[in-house]
Amino acid sequence: MRETMVDVPDPQPANVIVHAGHVSLQGELIVPPGPEGMIVFAHGSGSGRHSPRNQRVARSLARAGFATLLFDLLTVAEEAADHYTADLRFDIPLLAGRLAGAIGWVRTQGGIGRLPVGLIGASTGAAAALIAATVADDVTAVVSRGGRPDLARGSLRDVRCPTLLIVGGRDLAVLELNQRAARQMTAPVHLNIVPGATHLFEEPGTLNEVMRLAASWFGEHLGRNDENRKLDASGRRVVRD
């Protein structure tokens, strides 16, 4: 059996308008050839679709064979108001509703609408992702990067899909919150600690480890043929003929 690298040369994101309920949100969609799943991102407080870290993670997941959607959880007008009040960025139920709405929008899009869906959330976005996973019953897996699962509160026990909690080893306060959350969850959950990393995974090599862990988790739970799926050293998908 011959192994072949599926060359995914970082396709350019397409600007899209995501219709989530009664609002329209700006987004960026990447669809590599033959995607195995659809990964929807939930950014943290005060961030957006242009987050450099989420942009890097999205491109790494595209190389691994997944379509990705980065989008702003707030409208332009809401972001302008939130700049002064900082209220909406911490309205986790609102953000979870937007995320669930984005999943519904994905389901209307030809070519990606039937793909299994995974969610990846950072900081407060992780709480929104966990709640959205209890609302949208077709979420297959969740990844939390430096997340605040404690903000999901009573929804933690209602999460049904496999969940990966990634936390920096030096992000002690958030690590404790994730340990507590893992004990509360009834779904399959794994806590992975990245040694030497702080909250934003800015230390050399730490974000690369996050990308590797996320691709592996989604490959395990969203990939169409898990036992035949592997990545090369650069994170590109390798298939067996």
Protein backbone atom coordinates (compact mmCIF):
# COMPACT_ATOMS: atom_id res chain seq x y z
CA MET A 1 0.00 0.00 0.00
CA ARG A 2 1.49 3.33 -1.10
CA GLU A 3 1.34 6.52 0.97
CA THR A 4 0.74 9.78 -0.86
CA MET A 5 0.82 13.31 0.50
CA VAL A 6 -2.30 15.27 -0.29
CA ASP A 7 -0.86 18.66 -1.21
CA VAL A 8 -2.96 21.42 0.33
CA PRO A 9 -1.09 24.65 -0.55
CA ASP A 10 -2.83 26.89 1.96
CA PRO A 11 -5.87 27.91 -0.12
CA GLN A 12 -6.88 31.53 0.21
CA PRO A 13 -9.84 32.20 2.50
CA ALA A 14 -13.06 33.39 0.89
CA ASN A 15 -14.88 36.29 2.50
CA VAL A 16 -18.41 35.23 3.44
CA ILE A 17 -21.43 36.65 5.21
CA VAL A 18 -22.68 34.26 7.87
CA HIS A 19 -26.41 34.55 8.54
CA ALA A 20 -26.92 33.58 12.17
CA GLY A 21 -30.49 34.14 13.20
CA HIS A 22 -31.44 37.78 12.64
CA VAL A 23 -27.86 39.06 12.25
CA SER A 24 -25.28 38.89 9.47
CA LEU A 25 -21.68 38.34 10.52
CA GLN A 26 -18.45 38.71 8.58
CA GLY A 27 -16.40 35.56 8.12
CA GLU A 28 -13.59 33.79 6.29
CA LEU A 29 -14.08 30.32 4.87
CA ILE A 30 -11.29 27.96 3.79
CA VAL A 31 -12.23 24.80 1.90
CA PRO A 32 -9.30 22.51 0.99
CA PRO A 33 -9.68 19.76 -1.61
CA GLY A 34 -11.77 16.86 -0.32
CA PRO A 35 -12.37 18.17 3.21
CA GLU A 36 -13.00 15.59 5.92
CA GLY A 37 -14.90 17.90 8.23
CA MET A 38 -15.93 21.47 8.95
CA ILE A 39 -14.28 23.31 11.87
CA VAL A 40 -16.06 26.42 13.14
CA PHE A 41 -14.05 28.82 15.32
CA ALA A 42 -15.24 30.82 18.33
CA HIS A 43 -12.82 33.62 19.19
CA GLY A 44 -12.12 34.97 22.65
CA SER A 45 -13.19 38.27 24.20
CA GLY A 46 -12.04 41.37 22.38
CA SER A 47 -10.85 39.33 19.39
CA GLY A 48 -12.32 38.47 15.99
CA ARG A 49 -11.84 36.60 12.76
CA HIS A 50 -8.48 38.30 12.18
CA SER A 51 -6.94 36.85 15.36
CA PRO A 52 -3.36 35.89 14.35
CA ARG A 53 -3.43 32.74 16.45
CA ASN A 54 -6.77 31.56 15.11
CA GLN A 55 -5.61 32.37 11.58
CA ARG A 56 -2.59 30.12 12.07
CA VAL A 57 -4.66 27.33 13.58
CA ALA A 58 -7.21 27.57 10.75
CA ARG A 59 -4.52 27.24 8.10
CA SER A 60 -2.96 24.29 9.88
CA LEU A 61 -6.32 22.53 10.03
CA ALA A 62 -6.85 23.25 6.33
CA ARG A 63 -3.51 21.59 5.60
CA ALA A 64 -4.70 18.63 7.66
CA GLY A 65 -7.76 18.33 5.42
CA PHE A 66 -10.50 20.29 7.20
CA ALA A 67 -12.64 23.17 6.00
CA THR A 68 -12.55 26.07 8.48
CA LEU A 69 -14.80 29.01 9.26
CA LEU A 70 -13.53 32.04 11.15
CA PHE A 71 -16.20 34.64 11.81
CA ASP A 72 -16.94 37.59 14.05
CA LEU A 73 -19.34 36.73 16.83
CA LEU A 74 -20.56 40.34 16.95
CA THR A 75 -21.81 42.65 14.21
CA VAL A 76 -19.83 45.76 13.29
CA ALA A 77 -22.25 47.94 15.26
CA GLU A 78 -22.12 45.63 18.26
CA GLU A 79 -18.33 45.63 18.23
CA ALA A 80 -18.30 49.43 18.17
CA ALA A 81 -20.59 49.58 21.21
CA ASP A 82 -18.75 46.77 22.97
CA HIS A 83 -15.50 48.70 22.63
CA TYR A 84 -16.84 51.05 25.31
CA THR A 85 -19.02 48.75 27.41
CA ALA A 86 -17.25 45.35 27.11
CA ASP A 87 -20.64 43.79 27.87
CA LEU A 88 -21.38 41.70 24.79
CA ARG A 89 -18.01 39.98 24.66
CA PHE A 90 -18.86 38.30 27.97
CA ASP A 91 -22.47 37.48 27.08
CA ILE A 92 -21.77 33.77 26.68
CA PRO A 93 -25.37 32.70 25.88
CA LEU A 94 -25.51 35.34 23.13
CA LEU A 95 -22.20 34.16 21.66
CA ALA A 96 -23.27 30.51 21.88
CA GLY A 97 -26.43 31.38 19.98
CA ARG A 98 -24.39 33.07 17.26
CA LEU A 99 -22.18 29.99 17.03
CA ALA A 100 -25.18 27.67 16.77
CA GLY A 101 -26.57 29.97 14.09
CA ALA A 102 -23.30 29.76 12.16
CA ILE A 103 -23.53 25.96 12.24
CA GLY A 104 -27.02 26.26 10.79
CA TRP A 105 -25.64 28.52 8.05
CA VAL A 106 -22.93 25.97 7.24
CA ARG A 107 -25.64 23.35 6.76
CA THR A 108 -27.14 25.46 3.96
CA GLN A 109 -23.90 25.70 1.99
CA GLY A 110 -23.37 23.33 -0.92
CA GLY A 111 -20.18 21.28 -0.77
CA ILE A 112 -19.66 21.66 2.98
CA GLY A 113 -23.20 21.39 4.32
CA ARG A 114 -23.04 17.64 4.88
CA LEU A 115 -19.61 17.54 6.52
CA PRO A 116 -19.27 16.55 10.18
CA VAL A 117 -18.84 19.68 12.30
CA GLY A 118 -16.29 20.37 15.00
CA LEU A 119 -15.96 23.48 17.15
CA ILE A 120 -12.79 25.11 18.42
CA GLY A 121 -12.98 27.92 20.93
CA ALA A 122 -10.40 30.12 22.62
CA SER A 123 -10.80 31.68 26.07
CA THR A 124 -14.43 32.82 26.45
CA GLY A 125 -15.15 31.40 22.98
CA ALA A 126 -14.57 27.92 24.39
CA ALA A 127 -17.50 28.39 26.77
CA ALA A 128 -19.66 29.50 23.86
CA ALA A 129 -18.55 26.42 21.90
CA LEU A 130 -19.45 24.08 24.74
CA ILE A 131 -22.92 25.59 25.11
CA ALA A 132 -23.44 25.57 21.33
CA ALA A 133 -22.56 21.87 21.32
CA THR A 134 -25.54 21.25 23.62
CA VAL A 135 -27.87 23.24 21.35
CA ALA A 136 -26.74 21.99 17.94
CA ASP A 137 -27.09 18.22 18.16
CA ASP A 138 -24.86 17.59 15.14
CA VAL A 139 -21.58 18.82 16.67
CA THR A 140 -19.16 15.90 16.52
CA ALA A 141 -16.22 17.19 18.61
CA VAL A 142 -15.01 20.26 20.51
CA VAL A 143 -11.52 21.63 21.14
CA SER A 144 -10.89 24.30 23.79
CA ARG A 145 -7.67 26.36 23.56
CA GLY A 146 -6.88 28.14 26.81
CA GLY A 147 -10.60 28.07 27.39
CA ARG A 148 -12.91 29.20 30.16
CA PRO A 149 -15.24 26.19 30.39
CA ASP A 150 -16.36 27.40 33.81
CA LEU A 151 -18.34 30.12 32.03
CA ALA A 152 -20.51 27.41 30.44
CA ARG A 153 -21.72 26.65 33.97
CA GLY A 154 -24.62 24.20 34.04
CA SER A 155 -24.23 23.26 30.38
CA LEU A 156 -21.06 21.24 30.98
CA ARG A 157 -22.95 18.12 32.00
CA ASP A 158 -25.11 18.40 28.88
CA VAL A 159 -22.20 18.28 26.42
CA ARG A 160 -22.39 14.94 24.60
CA CYS A 161 -19.52 15.08 22.10
CA PRO A 162 -15.84 14.27 22.76
CA THR A 163 -14.05 17.35 24.10
CA LEU A 164 -10.35 18.21 24.20
CA LEU A 165 -9.23 20.84 26.74
CA ILE A 166 -5.81 22.31 25.87
CA VAL A 167 -4.21 24.46 28.56
CA GLY A 168 -0.77 25.98 29.02
CA GLY A 169 1.26 24.49 31.84
CA ARG A 170 2.05 27.98 33.17
CA ASP A 171 -1.54 29.21 32.86
CA LEU A 172 -2.23 28.07 36.40
CA ALA A 173 -5.56 29.77 37.10
CA VAL A 174 -7.11 28.60 33.83
CA LEU A 175 -5.61 25.13 34.31
CA GLU A 176 -7.45 24.78 37.61
CA LEU A 177 -10.71 25.89 35.98
CA ASN A 178 -10.27 23.29 33.24
CA GLN A 179 -9.49 20.55 35.74
CA ARG A 180 -12.73 21.34 37.58
CA ALA A 181 -14.68 21.40 34.32
CA ALA A 182 -13.28 18.05 33.23
CA ARG A 183 -14.52 16.49 36.47
CA GLN A 184 -18.01 17.87 35.86
CA MET A 185 -18.36 16.69 32.28
CA THR A 186 -20.01 13.38 31.45
CA ALA A 187 -18.96 13.30 27.78
CA PRO A 188 -15.56 11.85 26.82
CA VAL A 189 -13.08 14.56 27.81
CA HIS A 190 -9.30 14.80 27.71
CA LEU A 191 -7.21 17.52 29.36
CA ASN A 192 -3.90 18.13 27.59
CA ILE A 193 -1.34 20.40 29.25
CA VAL A 194 1.23 22.08 27.00
CA PRO A 195 4.45 22.41 29.06
CA GLY A 196 5.88 25.91 29.37
CA ALA A 197 2.92 27.63 27.73
CA THR A 198 1.08 30.62 29.14
CA HIS A 199 -2.49 31.65 28.31
CA LEU A 200 -1.94 32.81 24.72
CA PHE A 201 0.57 30.08 23.76
CA GLU A 202 3.09 32.71 22.69
CA GLU A 203 6.16 30.70 23.71
CA PRO A 204 8.18 29.10 20.86
CA GLY A 205 6.64 25.87 19.66
CA THR A 206 3.62 25.94 21.96
CA LEU A 207 1.05 27.04 19.37
CA ASN A 208 2.44 24.41 17.00
CA GLU A 209 1.67 21.83 19.67
CA VAL A 210 -1.89 23.19 19.96
CA MET A 211 -2.29 22.83 16.19
CA ARG A 212 -0.98 19.27 16.27
CA LEU A 213 -3.30 18.30 19.11
CA ALA A 214 -6.34 19.90 17.47
CA ALA A 215 -5.68 18.23 14.11
CA SER A 216 -5.24 14.87 15.81
CA TRP A 217 -8.46 15.24 17.85
CA PHE A 218 -10.55 16.29 14.89
CA GLY A 219 -8.93 13.61 12.74
CA GLU A 220 -9.89 10.99 15.30
CA HIS A 221 -13.49 12.13 15.69
CA LEU A 222 -14.36 13.74 12.33
CA GLY A 223 -12.10 11.91 9.88
CA ARG A 224 -13.87 9.61 7.45
CA ASN A 225 -11.32 6.82 7.76
CA ASP A 226 -9.46 7.21 11.03
CA GLU A 227 -7.28 4.11 10.86
CA ASN A 228 -5.85 5.12 7.47
CA ARG A 229 -5.38 8.78 8.32
CA LYS A 230 -2.05 10.37 9.19
CA LEU A 231 -0.21 13.66 8.82
CA ASP A 232 3.33 14.26 7.65
CA ALA A 233 5.86 16.34 9.60
CA SER A 234 4.48 19.60 8.16
CA GLY A 235 0.91 18.79 9.18
CA ARG A 236 -0.29 17.87 5.69
CA ARG A 237 -2.66 15.00 5.23
CA VAL A 238 -1.20 11.70 4.02
CA VAL A 239 -3.42 9.05 2.48
CA ARG A 240 -2.84 5.42 1.58
CA ASP A 241 -3.70 4.35 -1.95
